[in-house]
Amino acid sequence: MALVSRSGRACRLPLKVEIPMLIQRLLLACAALLPFSAFAIDPGAVAPEAAGVVLQGPEGIKLSKLRTPGRVVVVDFWASWCGPCVQAIPELNAMREGLVHEGFGDRFEVLGVSIDNDVKLAKRFLERIPVSYPVVDDVLGVSSQTYGIWRLPATFLIAPDGRIQYIYHGYGAGFTADL
């Protein structure tokens, strides 16, 4: 691979750099040929880790720390700029609080995952719309990529065995009844 220097002369990258760049470009070209659904995760799959900068909850909180024997976990992806998230999050929080009040707090938890790339925006959102469950900000986009997020909110019901039981993309009034 040749690059052009400031003087206009072609210069070559070391072979150590050229090979990884070539592989990266080939992988990107192959990925572009795949249908979008190839990147999505399906019900029945083992839930990947969901983590990020902790906005609310214990230090180091992530999905793997919430998954305990017999516990169902809802992983809810959202963003501060997402209109439907403004409606969905209070409903999800009310469902969680109701289950905790009924004595199911040890068998059910929610993990909110913001996909905002600016932690300040996510924090401001939580000041306006507070929740009682742990929340992280996936600043790097790792969790949203492994879950194949394509629409917000995106809510994943994780069964006690760690498998995705149900996926809900978007928001509809009463969506928590489906969960």
Foldseek 3Di string as FASTA:
>chain_A
DWDADPVRDTDDDPPVVVVVVVVVVVVVVVVVPDDLCVQADDFPAQQDKAAAAWLDDDPPDIDVVLQDAQAKEKEKEDELPDPLCLVPVVVVQVVQVVCVVVPCVSRYAYEYEYADLDVVSVNVSCVVVPHDGIYHYHNVCPNCRNNSDDAPTWMFIAGSVRTTHDIDGTDDVPVVVVD
